[in-house]
PDB file of N, CA and C in Angstrom:
ATOM      1  N   MET A   1       0.148  11.676  -9.001  1.00  0.00           N
ATOM      2  CA  MET A   1       1.758  11.258  -9.432  1.00  0.00           C
ATOM      3  C   MET A   1       2.003   9.986 -10.116  1.00  0.00           C
ATOM      4  N   ALA A   2       1.511   9.463 -10.623  1.00  0.00           N
ATOM      5  CA  ALA A   2       1.139   8.044 -10.990  1.00  0.00           C
ATOM      6  C   ALA A   2       2.846   7.748 -11.966  1.00  0.00           C
ATOM      7  N   ASP A   3       3.450   7.130 -11.503  1.00  0.00           N
ATOM      8  CA  ASP A   3       4.581   6.504 -12.561  1.00  0.00           C
ATOM      9  C   ASP A   3       5.762   7.337 -12.745  1.00  0.00           C
ATOM     10  N   GLY A   4       6.134   8.206 -11.587  1.00  0.00           N
ATOM     11  CA  GLY A   4       7.060   9.117 -11.869  1.00  0.00           C
ATOM     12  C   GLY A   4       6.680  10.238 -12.327  1.00  0.00           C
ATOM     13  N   LYS A   5       5.456  10.588 -12.913  1.00  0.00           N
ATOM     14  CA  LYS A   5       5.210  12.068 -13.433  1.00  0.00           C
ATOM     15  C   LYS A   5       4.229  12.964 -12.992  1.00  0.00           C
ATOM     16  N   ALA A   6       4.295  13.843 -13.616  1.00  0.00           N
ATOM     17  CA  ALA A   6       3.149  15.122 -12.654  1.00  0.00           C
ATOM     18  C   ALA A   6       1.986  14.727 -12.860  1.00  0.00           C
ATOM     19  N   MET A   7       0.978  14.890 -11.708  1.00  0.00           N
ATOM     20  CA  MET A   7      -0.275  14.679 -12.319  1.00  0.00           C
ATOM     21  C   MET A   7      -1.022  15.928 -12.628  1.00  0.00           C
ATOM     22  N   ASP A   8      -2.364  16.008 -13.436  1.00  0.00           N
ATOM     23  CA  ASP A   8      -2.840  17.088 -13.639  1.00  0.00           C
ATOM     24  C   ASP A   8      -4.180  17.279 -12.721  1.00  0.00           C
ATOM     25  N   VAL A   9      -4.351  18.409 -12.161  1.00  0.00           N
ATOM     26  CA  VAL A   9      -5.191  18.743 -11.426  1.00  0.00           C
ATOM     27  C   VAL A   9      -6.237  19.543 -12.157  1.00  0.00           C
ATOM     28  N   THR A  10      -7.348  19.775 -11.605  1.00  0.00           N
ATOM     29  CA  THR A  10      -8.447  20.540 -12.179  1.00  0.00           C
ATOM     30  C   THR A  10      -9.090  21.658 -11.098  1.00  0.00           C
ATOM     31  N   ASP A  11      -9.927  22.488 -11.644  1.00  0.00           N
ATOM     32  CA  ASP A  11     -10.369  23.122 -10.624  1.00  0.00           C
ATOM     33  C   ASP A  11     -11.519  22.023  -9.470  1.00  0.00           C
ATOM     34  N   GLU A  12     -11.786  20.942  -9.886  1.00  0.00           N
ATOM     35  CA  GLU A  12     -12.798  20.224  -9.181  1.00  0.00           C
ATOM     36  C   GLU A  12     -11.610  19.212  -7.882  1.00  0.00           C
ATOM     37  N   SER A  13     -10.531  19.194  -8.477  1.00  0.00           N
ATOM     38  CA  SER A  13      -9.797  18.161  -7.497  1.00  0.00           C
ATOM     39  C   SER A  13      -8.589  19.049  -6.964  1.00  0.00           C
ATOM     40  N   PHE A  14      -8.167  20.318  -6.921  1.00  0.00           N
ATOM     41  CA  PHE A  14      -7.661  21.461  -6.458  1.00  0.00           C
ATOM     42  C   PHE A  14      -7.544  21.279  -5.095  1.00  0.00           C
ATOM     43  N   ASP A  15      -8.669  21.341  -4.418  1.00  0.00           N
ATOM     44  CA  ASP A  15      -8.818  21.347  -3.150  1.00  0.00           C
ATOM     45  C   ASP A  15      -8.262  19.769  -2.476  1.00  0.00           C
ATOM     46  N   SER A  16      -8.698  18.836  -2.803  1.00  0.00           N
ATOM     47  CA  SER A  16      -8.332  17.424  -2.409  1.00  0.00           C
ATOM     48  C   SER A  16      -7.060  17.053  -2.869  1.00  0.00           C
ATOM     49  N   GLU A  17      -6.598  17.292  -3.692  1.00  0.00           N
ATOM     50  CA  GLU A  17      -4.798  17.038  -4.469  1.00  0.00           C
ATOM     51  C   GLU A  17      -4.083  17.949  -3.716  1.00  0.00           C
ATOM     52  N   VAL A  18      -4.358  18.915  -3.597  1.00  0.00           N
ATOM     53  CA  VAL A  18      -3.148  20.160  -3.268  1.00  0.00           C
ATOM     54  C   VAL A  18      -3.557  20.484  -1.651  1.00  0.00           C
ATOM     55  N   LEU A  19      -4.555  21.071  -1.732  1.00  0.00           N
ATOM     56  CA  LEU A  19      -5.055  21.898   0.129  1.00  0.00           C
ATOM     57  C   LEU A  19      -4.856  20.985   1.233  1.00  0.00           C
ATOM     58  N   GLU A  20      -5.864  19.563   0.872  1.00  0.00           N
ATOM     59  CA  GLU A  20      -5.812  18.693   1.706  1.00  0.00           C
ATOM     60  C   GLU A  20      -4.730  17.769   1.686  1.00  0.00           C
ATOM     61  N   SER A  21      -3.511  17.648   0.846  1.00  0.00           N
ATOM     62  CA  SER A  21      -2.679  16.555   0.740  1.00  0.00           C
ATOM     63  C   SER A  21      -1.960  16.995   2.087  1.00  0.00           C
ATOM     64  N   GLU A  22      -1.341  15.677   2.410  1.00  0.00           N
ATOM     65  CA  GLU A  22      -0.499  15.441   3.545  1.00  0.00           C
ATOM     66  C   GLU A  22       0.631  15.632   3.382  1.00  0.00           C
ATOM     67  N   ALA A  23       1.268  15.343   1.917  1.00  0.00           N
ATOM     68  CA  ALA A  23       2.841  15.078   1.515  1.00  0.00           C
ATOM     69  C   ALA A  23       2.737  16.764   1.283  1.00  0.00           C
ATOM     70  N   LEU A  24       4.438  17.228   0.765  1.00  0.00           N
ATOM     71  CA  LEU A  24       4.602  18.514   0.334  1.00  0.00           C
ATOM     72  C   LEU A  24       4.133  18.406  -1.372  1.00  0.00           C
ATOM     73  N   VAL A  25       3.809  19.483  -1.761  1.00  0.00           N
ATOM     74  CA  VAL A  25       2.899  19.722  -3.016  1.00  0.00           C
ATOM     75  C   VAL A  25       3.713  20.898  -4.072  1.00  0.00           C
ATOM     76  N   LEU A  26       3.922  20.228  -5.128  1.00  0.00           N
ATOM     77  CA  LEU A  26       4.793  21.318  -6.004  1.00  0.00           C
ATOM     78  C   LEU A  26       3.683  21.486  -7.090  1.00  0.00           C
ATOM     79  N   VAL A  27       2.928  22.612  -7.283  1.00  0.00           N
ATOM     80  CA  VAL A  27       2.046  23.016  -8.475  1.00  0.00           C
ATOM     81  C   VAL A  27       2.416  23.942  -9.366  1.00  0.00           C
ATOM     82  N   ASP A  28       2.731  23.580 -10.590  1.00  0.00           N
ATOM     83  CA  ASP A  28       3.161  24.113 -11.683  1.00  0.00           C
ATOM     84  C   ASP A  28       1.495  24.793 -12.448  1.00  0.00           C
ATOM     85  N   PHE A  29       1.742  25.910 -12.442  1.00  0.00           N
ATOM     86  CA  PHE A  29       0.520  26.759 -12.744  1.00  0.00           C
ATOM     87  C   PHE A  29       1.122  27.254 -14.458  1.00  0.00           C
ATOM     88  N   TRP A  30       0.260  26.662 -15.262  1.00  0.00           N
ATOM     89  CA  TRP A  30       1.084  26.602 -16.600  1.00  0.00           C
ATOM     90  C   TRP A  30       0.098  26.872 -17.932  1.00  0.00           C
ATOM     91  N   ALA A  31       0.418  27.064 -19.303  1.00  0.00           N
ATOM     92  CA  ALA A  31      -0.567  27.123 -20.421  1.00  0.00           C
ATOM     93  C   ALA A  31       0.392  26.806 -21.532  1.00  0.00           C
ATOM     94  N   GLU A  32      -0.307  26.056 -22.450  1.00  0.00           N
ATOM     95  CA  GLU A  32       0.180  25.463 -23.848  1.00  0.00           C
ATOM     96  C   GLU A  32       0.933  26.337 -24.272  1.00  0.00           C
ATOM     97  N   TRP A  33       0.345  27.585 -24.379  1.00  0.00           N
ATOM     98  CA  TRP A  33       1.044  28.648 -25.565  1.00  0.00           C
ATOM     99  C   TRP A  33       2.487  29.219 -24.736  1.00  0.00           C
ATOM    100  N   CYS A  34       2.946  28.945 -23.337  1.00  0.00           N
ATOM    101  CA  CYS A  34       3.848  29.528 -23.048  1.00  0.00           C
ATOM    102  C   CYS A  34       5.160  28.719 -22.763  1.00  0.00           C
ATOM    103  N   GLY A  35       5.937  29.200 -23.760  1.00  0.00           N
ATOM    104  CA  GLY A  35       7.454  28.877 -24.233  1.00  0.00           C
ATOM    105  C   GLY A  35       8.126  28.575 -22.448  1.00  0.00           C
ATOM    106  N   PRO A  36       8.078  29.198 -21.442  1.00  0.00           N
ATOM    107  CA  PRO A  36       9.136  28.943 -20.543  1.00  0.00           C
ATOM    108  C   PRO A  36       8.090  28.110 -19.697  1.00  0.00           C
ATOM    109  N   CYS A  37       6.835  28.179 -19.840  1.00  0.00           N
ATOM    110  CA  CYS A  37       6.230  26.618 -19.155  1.00  0.00           C
ATOM    111  C   CYS A  37       6.561  25.378 -19.598  1.00  0.00           C
ATOM    112  N   ARG A  38       6.639  25.403 -20.886  1.00  0.00           N
ATOM    113  CA  ARG A  38       7.035  23.851 -21.515  1.00  0.00           C
ATOM    114  C   ARG A  38       8.618  23.339 -21.193  1.00  0.00           C
ATOM    115  N   MET A  39       9.596  24.554 -20.881  1.00  0.00           N
ATOM    116  CA  MET A  39      10.969  24.445 -20.100  1.00  0.00           C
ATOM    117  C   MET A  39      10.539  23.940 -18.781  1.00  0.00           C
ATOM    118  N   ALA A  40       9.730  24.250 -17.761  1.00  0.00           N
ATOM    119  CA  ALA A  40       9.124  24.178 -16.813  1.00  0.00           C
ATOM    120  C   ALA A  40       8.939  22.579 -16.546  1.00  0.00           C
ATOM    121  N   GLY A  41       8.066  22.529 -17.399  1.00  0.00           N
ATOM    122  CA  GLY A  41       7.473  21.194 -17.277  1.00  0.00           C
ATOM    123  C   GLY A  41       8.383  20.017 -17.749  1.00  0.00           C
ATOM    124  N   SER A  42       9.474  20.216 -18.303  1.00  0.00           N
ATOM    125  CA  SER A  42      10.407  18.937 -18.572  1.00  0.00           C
ATOM    126  C   SER A  42      11.272  18.635 -17.189  1.00  0.00           C
ATOM    127  N   VAL A  43      11.260  19.731 -16.646  1.00  0.00           N
ATOM    128  CA  VAL A  43      11.974  19.523 -15.261  1.00  0.00           C
ATOM    129  C   VAL A  43      11.249  18.594 -14.167  1.00  0.00           C
ATOM    130  N   LEU A  44       9.849  19.213 -14.658  1.00  0.00           N
ATOM    131  CA  LEU A  44       8.792  18.306 -13.026  1.00  0.00           C
ATOM    132  C   LEU A  44       8.670  16.879 -13.257  1.00  0.00           C
ATOM    133  N   ASP A  45       8.677  16.416 -14.457  1.00  0.00           N
ATOM    134  CA  ASP A  45       8.758  14.925 -14.289  1.00  0.00           C
ATOM    135  C   ASP A  45       9.839  14.345 -13.885  1.00  0.00           C
ATOM    136  N   ASN A  46      11.102  14.885 -13.716  1.00  0.00           N
ATOM    137  CA  ASN A  46      12.368  14.582 -13.433  1.00  0.00           C
ATOM    138  C   ASN A  46      12.051  14.643 -11.927  1.00  0.00           C
ATOM    139  N   ILE A  47      11.804  15.855 -11.132  1.00  0.00           N
ATOM    140  CA  ILE A  47      11.677  15.933  -9.932  1.00  0.00           C
ATOM    141  C   ILE A  47      10.613  14.893  -9.555  1.00  0.00           C
ATOM    142  N   ALA A  48       9.245  14.634  -9.911  1.00  0.00           N
ATOM    143  CA  ALA A  48       8.444  13.716  -9.620  1.00  0.00           C
ATOM    144  C   ALA A  48       9.238  12.606  -9.772  1.00  0.00           C
ATOM    145  N   GLU A  49       9.977  11.927 -10.422  1.00  0.00           N
ATOM    146  CA  GLU A  49      10.623  10.642 -10.364  1.00  0.00           C
ATOM    147  C   GLU A  49      11.553  10.428  -9.166  1.00  0.00           C
ATOM    148  N   GLU A  50      12.310  11.601  -9.090  1.00  0.00           N
ATOM    149  CA  GLU A  50      13.601  11.457  -8.238  1.00  0.00           C
ATOM    150  C   GLU A  50      12.821  11.607  -6.618  1.00  0.00           C
ATOM    151  N   TYR A  51      12.079  12.878  -6.464  1.00  0.00           N
ATOM    152  CA  TYR A  51      11.471  12.351  -4.969  1.00  0.00           C
ATOM    153  C   TYR A  51      10.673  11.551  -4.457  1.00  0.00           C
ATOM    154  N   GLY A  52       9.844  11.044  -5.821  1.00  0.00           N
ATOM    155  CA  GLY A  52       8.886   9.881  -5.440  1.00  0.00           C
ATOM    156  C   GLY A  52       7.829  10.234  -4.775  1.00  0.00           C
ATOM    157  N   GLU A  53       7.233   9.709  -3.557  1.00  0.00           N
ATOM    158  CA  GLU A  53       6.303   9.867  -2.521  1.00  0.00           C
ATOM    159  C   GLU A  53       6.214  10.941  -1.587  1.00  0.00           C
ATOM    160  N   SER A  54       8.010  11.895  -1.464  1.00  0.00           N
ATOM    161  CA  SER A  54       8.352  12.771  -0.922  1.00  0.00           C
ATOM    162  C   SER A  54       7.634  13.912  -0.836  1.00  0.00           C
ATOM    163  N   VAL A  55       7.402  14.115  -2.280  1.00  0.00           N
ATOM    164  CA  VAL A  55       6.595  15.370  -2.989  1.00  0.00           C
ATOM    165  C   VAL A  55       5.616  14.758  -3.931  1.00  0.00           C
ATOM    166  N   LYS A  56       4.096  15.738  -3.952  1.00  0.00           N
ATOM    167  CA  LYS A  56       3.419  15.232  -4.877  1.00  0.00           C
ATOM    168  C   LYS A  56       3.589  16.493  -5.671  1.00  0.00           C
ATOM    169  N   VAL A  57       3.725  16.331  -7.065  1.00  0.00           N
ATOM    170  CA  VAL A  57       3.926  17.224  -8.497  1.00  0.00           C
ATOM    171  C   VAL A  57       2.823  17.208  -9.152  1.00  0.00           C
ATOM    172  N   CYS A  58       2.064  18.186  -9.104  1.00  0.00           N
ATOM    173  CA  CYS A  58       0.755  18.563 -10.044  1.00  0.00           C
ATOM    174  C   CYS A  58       0.951  19.729 -11.062  1.00  0.00           C
ATOM    175  N   MET A  59       0.203  19.536 -11.950  1.00  0.00           N
ATOM    176  CA  MET A  59       0.340  20.687 -12.951  1.00  0.00           C
ATOM    177  C   MET A  59      -1.140  21.297 -13.043  1.00  0.00           C
ATOM    178  N   VAL A  60      -1.557  22.598 -13.153  1.00  0.00           N
ATOM    179  CA  VAL A  60      -2.411  23.216 -13.715  1.00  0.00           C
ATOM    180  C   VAL A  60      -2.692  23.853 -14.560  1.00  0.00           C
ATOM    181  N   ASN A  61      -3.549  23.556 -15.936  1.00  0.00           N
ATOM    182  CA  ASN A  61      -3.405  24.192 -16.865  1.00  0.00           C
ATOM    183  C   ASN A  61      -4.252  25.548 -16.575  1.00  0.00           C
ATOM    184  N   ILE A  62      -3.817  26.679 -16.687  1.00  0.00           N
ATOM    185  CA  ILE A  62      -4.717  27.917 -16.413  1.00  0.00           C
ATOM    186  C   ILE A  62      -5.868  28.026 -17.204  1.00  0.00           C
ATOM    187  N   ASP A  63      -5.552  27.974 -18.742  1.00  0.00           N
ATOM    188  CA  ASP A  63      -6.912  27.860 -19.590  1.00  0.00           C
ATOM    189  C   ASP A  63      -7.924  27.279 -19.165  1.00  0.00           C
ATOM    190  N   ASP A  64      -7.632  25.861 -18.962  1.00  0.00           N
ATOM    191  CA  ASP A  64      -8.709  25.406 -18.315  1.00  0.00           C
ATOM    192  C   ASP A  64      -9.346  25.489 -17.397  1.00  0.00           C
ATOM    193  N   HIS A  65      -8.380  25.778 -16.163  1.00  0.00           N
ATOM    194  CA  HIS A  65      -8.900  25.561 -14.961  1.00  0.00           C
ATOM    195  C   HIS A  65      -8.330  26.721 -14.354  1.00  0.00           C
ATOM    196  N   ARG A  66      -8.900  28.006 -14.799  1.00  0.00           N
ATOM    197  CA  ARG A  66      -8.968  29.218 -14.033  1.00  0.00           C
ATOM    198  C   ARG A  66      -9.433  29.206 -12.755  1.00  0.00           C
ATOM    199  N   ASP A  67     -10.376  28.793 -12.312  1.00  0.00           N
ATOM    200  CA  ASP A  67     -10.668  28.780 -10.619  1.00  0.00           C
ATOM    201  C   ASP A  67      -9.440  28.567  -9.920  1.00  0.00           C
ATOM    202  N   ALA A  68      -8.817  27.271 -10.111  1.00  0.00           N
ATOM    203  CA  ALA A  68      -7.764  26.651  -9.066  1.00  0.00           C
ATOM    204  C   ALA A  68      -6.616  27.966  -9.219  1.00  0.00           C
ATOM    205  N   ALA A  69      -6.195  28.570 -10.682  1.00  0.00           N
ATOM    206  CA  ALA A  69      -5.483  29.827 -10.640  1.00  0.00           C
ATOM    207  C   ALA A  69      -5.427  31.097  -9.765  1.00  0.00           C
ATOM    208  N   ILE A  70      -7.230  30.992 -10.039  1.00  0.00           N
ATOM    209  CA  ILE A  70      -7.518  32.193  -9.020  1.00  0.00           C
ATOM    210  C   ILE A  70      -7.657  32.142  -7.526  1.00  0.00           C
ATOM    211  N   LYS A  71      -7.617  30.762  -7.107  1.00  0.00           N
ATOM    212  CA  LYS A  71      -7.773  30.535  -5.864  1.00  0.00           C
ATOM    213  C   LYS A  71      -6.130  30.460  -5.253  1.00  0.00           C
ATOM    214  N   ALA A  72      -5.141  30.064  -6.212  1.00  0.00           N
ATOM    215  CA  ALA A  72      -3.516  30.048  -5.822  1.00  0.00           C
ATOM    216  C   ALA A  72      -3.162  31.864  -5.895  1.00  0.00           C
ATOM    217  N   GLU A  73      -4.140  32.400  -6.734  1.00  0.00           N
ATOM    218  CA  GLU A  73      -3.486  33.784  -6.636  1.00  0.00           C
ATOM    219  C   GLU A  73      -2.077  34.013  -7.539  1.00  0.00           C
ATOM    220  N   VAL A  74      -2.474  33.343  -8.693  1.00  0.00           N
ATOM    221  CA  VAL A  74      -1.239  33.090  -9.608  1.00  0.00           C
ATOM    222  C   VAL A  74      -1.552  34.431 -10.805  1.00  0.00           C
ATOM    223  N   THR A  75      -0.576  35.464 -10.711  1.00  0.00           N
ATOM    224  CA  THR A  75      -0.756  36.542 -11.911  1.00  0.00           C
ATOM    225  C   THR A  75      -0.037  36.460 -12.863  1.00  0.00           C
ATOM    226  N   SER A  76       0.973  35.480 -12.999  1.00  0.00           N
ATOM    227  CA  SER A  76       1.942  35.183 -14.412  1.00  0.00           C
ATOM    228  C   SER A  76       2.050  33.886 -14.153  1.00  0.00           C
ATOM    229  N   ILE A  77       2.486  33.736 -15.626  1.00  0.00           N
ATOM    230  CA  ILE A  77       3.087  32.197 -15.608  1.00  0.00           C
ATOM    231  C   ILE A  77       4.200  31.961 -16.519  1.00  0.00           C
ATOM    232  N   PRO A  78       5.455  31.219 -16.191  1.00  0.00           N
ATOM    233  CA  PRO A  78       5.100  29.718 -15.208  1.00  0.00           C
ATOM    234  C   PRO A  78       5.098  30.375 -13.515  1.00  0.00           C
ATOM    235  N   THR A  79       4.101  29.820 -12.887  1.00  0.00           N
ATOM    236  CA  THR A  79       4.389  29.965 -11.527  1.00  0.00           C
ATOM    237  C   THR A  79       4.195  28.605 -10.802  1.00  0.00           C
ATOM    238  N   LEU A  80       5.028  28.507 -10.035  1.00  0.00           N
ATOM    239  CA  LEU A  80       5.373  27.300  -9.183  1.00  0.00           C
ATOM    240  C   LEU A  80       5.333  27.765  -7.490  1.00  0.00           C
ATOM    241  N   ASN A  81       4.217  26.900  -7.143  1.00  0.00           N
ATOM    242  CA  ASN A  81       3.796  27.069  -5.790  1.00  0.00           C
ATOM    243  C   ASN A  81       4.471  25.928  -4.883  1.00  0.00           C
ATOM    244  N   ILE A  82       4.846  25.837  -3.826  1.00  0.00           N
ATOM    245  CA  ILE A  82       5.060  24.942  -2.878  1.00  0.00           C
ATOM    246  C   ILE A  82       3.987  25.137  -1.577  1.00  0.00           C
ATOM    247  N   TYR A  83       3.065  23.526  -1.531  1.00  0.00           N
ATOM    248  CA  TYR A  83       2.346  24.118  -0.510  1.00  0.00           C
ATOM    249  C   TYR A  83       2.571  22.538   0.566  1.00  0.00           C
ATOM    250  N   LYS A  84       2.288  23.323   1.973  1.00  0.00           N
ATOM    251  CA  LYS A  84       2.762  22.524   3.302  1.00  0.00           C
ATOM    252  C   LYS A  84       1.296  22.357   4.084  1.00  0.00           C
ATOM    253  N   ALA A  85       0.766  21.700   4.474  1.00  0.00           N
ATOM    254  CA  ALA A  85      -0.401  21.567   4.880  1.00  0.00           C
ATOM    255  C   ALA A  85      -1.454  22.609   4.560  1.00  0.00           C
ATOM    256  N   GLY A  86      -1.644  22.722   3.284  1.00  0.00           N
ATOM    257  CA  GLY A  86      -2.599  23.465   2.617  1.00  0.00           C
ATOM    258  C   GLY A  86      -2.254  24.773   2.421  1.00  0.00           C
ATOM    259  N   ARG A  87      -0.943  25.207   2.710  1.00  0.00           N
ATOM    260  CA  ARG A  87      -0.564  26.535   2.905  1.00  0.00           C
ATOM    261  C   ARG A  87       0.736  26.855   1.866  1.00  0.00           C
ATOM    262  N   ILE A  88       0.547  27.822   1.071  1.00  0.00           N
ATOM    263  CA  ILE A  88       1.622  28.050   0.345  1.00  0.00           C
ATOM    264  C   ILE A  88       3.387  28.655   1.072  1.00  0.00           C
ATOM    265  N   VAL A  89       4.207  27.720   0.853  1.00  0.00           N
ATOM    266  CA  VAL A  89       5.159  27.740   1.531  1.00  0.00           C
ATOM    267  C   VAL A  89       6.341  28.694   0.692  1.00  0.00           C
ATOM    268  N   ASP A  90       6.472  28.236  -0.765  1.00  0.00           N
ATOM    269  CA  ASP A  90       7.298  28.961  -1.364  1.00  0.00           C
ATOM    270  C   ASP A  90       6.631  29.000  -2.554  1.00  0.00           C
ATOM    271  N   GLN A  91       7.153  29.741  -3.491  1.00  0.00           N
ATOM    272  CA  GLN A  91       6.944  30.279  -4.793  1.00  0.00           C
ATOM    273  C   GLN A  91       8.061  30.717  -5.822  1.00  0.00           C
ATOM    274  N   ILE A  92       7.820  30.345  -7.000  1.00  0.00           N
ATOM    275  CA  ILE A  92       9.327  30.411  -8.069  1.00  0.00           C
ATOM    276  C   ILE A  92       8.101  30.991  -9.200  1.00  0.00           C
ATOM    277  N   LYS A  93       8.484  32.313  -9.978  1.00  0.00           N
ATOM    278  CA  LYS A  93       7.799  32.792 -10.861  1.00  0.00           C
ATOM    279  C   LYS A  93       8.706  32.707 -12.050  1.00  0.00           C
ATOM    280  N   GLY A  94       8.547  32.250 -13.325  1.00  0.00           N
ATOM    281  CA  GLY A  94       9.335  32.112 -14.352  1.00  0.00           C
ATOM    282  C   GLY A  94      10.320  31.257 -14.154  1.00  0.00           C
ATOM    283  N   VAL A  95      11.125  31.325 -15.549  1.00  0.00           N
ATOM    284  CA  VAL A  95      12.370  30.367 -15.683  1.00  0.00           C
ATOM    285  C   VAL A  95      13.533  30.818 -15.762  1.00  0.00           C
ATOM    286  N   THR A  96      14.812  30.522 -14.942  1.00  0.00           N
ATOM    287  CA  THR A  96      15.874  31.384 -14.895  1.00  0.00           C
ATOM    288  C   THR A  96      16.475  30.005 -15.368  1.00  0.00           C
ATOM    289  N   PRO A  97      18.025  30.522 -15.407  1.00  0.00           N
ATOM    290  CA  PRO A  97      19.264  29.660 -15.785  1.00  0.00           C
ATOM    291  C   PRO A  97      19.351  28.575 -14.628  1.00  0.00           C
ATOM    292  N   SER A  98      19.141  29.095 -13.260  1.00  0.00           N
ATOM    293  CA  SER A  98      19.365  28.316 -12.176  1.00  0.00           C
ATOM    294  C   SER A  98      17.737  27.745 -11.921  1.00  0.00           C
ATOM    295  N   PHE A  99      17.107  27.893 -12.483  1.00  0.00           N
ATOM    296  CA  PHE A  99      15.617  27.453 -12.112  1.00  0.00           C
ATOM    297  C   PHE A  99      15.776  25.804 -11.505  1.00  0.00           C
ATOM    298  N   GLU A 100      16.395  25.013 -12.421  1.00  0.00           N
ATOM    299  CA  GLU A 100      15.913  23.330 -11.652  1.00  0.00           C
ATOM    300  C   GLU A 100      16.867  23.654 -10.309  1.00  0.00           C
ATOM    301  N   THR A 101      17.828  24.214 -10.019  1.00  0.00           N
ATOM    302  CA  THR A 101      18.569  23.911  -8.698  1.00  0.00           C
ATOM    303  C   THR A 101      17.957  24.585  -7.809  1.00  0.00           C
ATOM    304  N   ASP A 102      17.170  25.949  -7.897  1.00  0.00           N
ATOM    305  CA  ASP A 102      16.617  26.893  -6.994  1.00  0.00           C
ATOM    306  C   ASP A 102      15.257  26.151  -6.676  1.00  0.00           C
ATOM    307  N   LEU A 103      14.826  25.368  -7.502  1.00  0.00           N
ATOM    308  CA  LEU A 103      13.391  24.523  -7.091  1.00  0.00           C
ATOM    309  C   LEU A 103      13.790  23.665  -6.156  1.00  0.00           C
ATOM    310  N   ARG A 104      15.037  22.373  -6.713  1.00  0.00           N
ATOM    311  CA  ARG A 104      15.549  21.590  -5.824  1.00  0.00           C
ATOM    312  C   ARG A 104      15.632  22.185  -4.525  1.00  0.00           C
ATOM    313  N   GLU A 105      16.559  23.123  -4.353  1.00  0.00           N
ATOM    314  CA  GLU A 105      16.930  23.618  -3.161  1.00  0.00           C
ATOM    315  C   GLU A 105      15.746  24.079  -2.112  1.00  0.00           C
ATOM    316  N   LYS A 106      14.659  24.465  -2.898  1.00  0.00           N
ATOM    317  CA  LYS A 106      13.528  24.965  -2.153  1.00  0.00           C
ATOM    318  C   LYS A 106      12.795  23.772  -1.727  1.00  0.00           C
ATOM    319  N   ILE A 107      12.604  22.838  -2.415  1.00  0.00           N
ATOM    320  CA  ILE A 107      11.610  21.359  -1.959  1.00  0.00           C
ATOM    321  C   ILE A 107      12.699  20.919  -0.969  1.00  0.00           C
ATOM    322  N   ASP A 108      14.224  20.742  -0.909  1.00  0.00           N
ATOM    323  CA  ASP A 108      14.971  20.372   0.176  1.00  0.00           C
ATOM    324  C   ASP A 108      14.760  20.951   1.346  1.00  0.00           C
ATOM    325  N   SER A 109      14.523  22.185   1.260  1.00  0.00           N
ATOM    326  CA  SER A 109      14.420  23.020   2.556  1.00  0.00           C
ATOM    327  C   SER A 109      13.190  22.776   3.013  1.00  0.00           C
ATOM    328  N   HIS A 110      12.150  22.505   2.511  1.00  0.00           N
ATOM    329  CA  HIS A 110      10.526  22.353   2.836  1.00  0.00           C
ATOM    330  C   HIS A 110      10.555  20.819   3.467  1.00  0.00           C
ATOM    331  N   LEU A 111      11.125  20.044   2.827  1.00  0.00           N
ATOM    332  CA  LEU A 111      11.087  18.517   3.153  1.00  0.00           C
ATOM    333  C   LEU A 111      11.830  18.156   4.659  1.00  0.00           C
ATOM    334  N   GLN A 112      12.759  18.922   4.858  1.00  0.00           N
ATOM    335  CA  GLN A 112      13.696  19.150   6.042  1.00  0.00           C
ATOM    336  C   GLN A 112      12.951  20.010   7.212  1.00  0.00           C
ATOM    337  N   SER A 113      12.466  20.815   7.123  1.00  0.00           N
ATOM    338  CA  SER A 113      11.593  21.525   7.904  1.00  0.00           C
ATOM    339  C   SER A 113      10.238  20.792   8.238  1.00  0.00           C
TER     340      SER A 113
END
């Protein structure tokens, strides 16, 4: 999450960066060929910058890092999982007109719990 940007996570770093993280972690599972994924990606840098150290924002390219996507049981993209203490506590699949608002509400609710 360097400089308010989402960080790329690989098959090799998924456990340490996501499952073993003490921070709330938002993971975007995406692919370059996915149009809605690009729309979601533009929101993630804003989230990373706004929430700073409170939320670790990560991205997993499923074409390059299929094992991480399988481990997270991703069946469609974009899928955004929110992890707390190594467990998925929330999920958003796809991009809707209220995507950014919905995502912020989910993050805020888990930061308060």
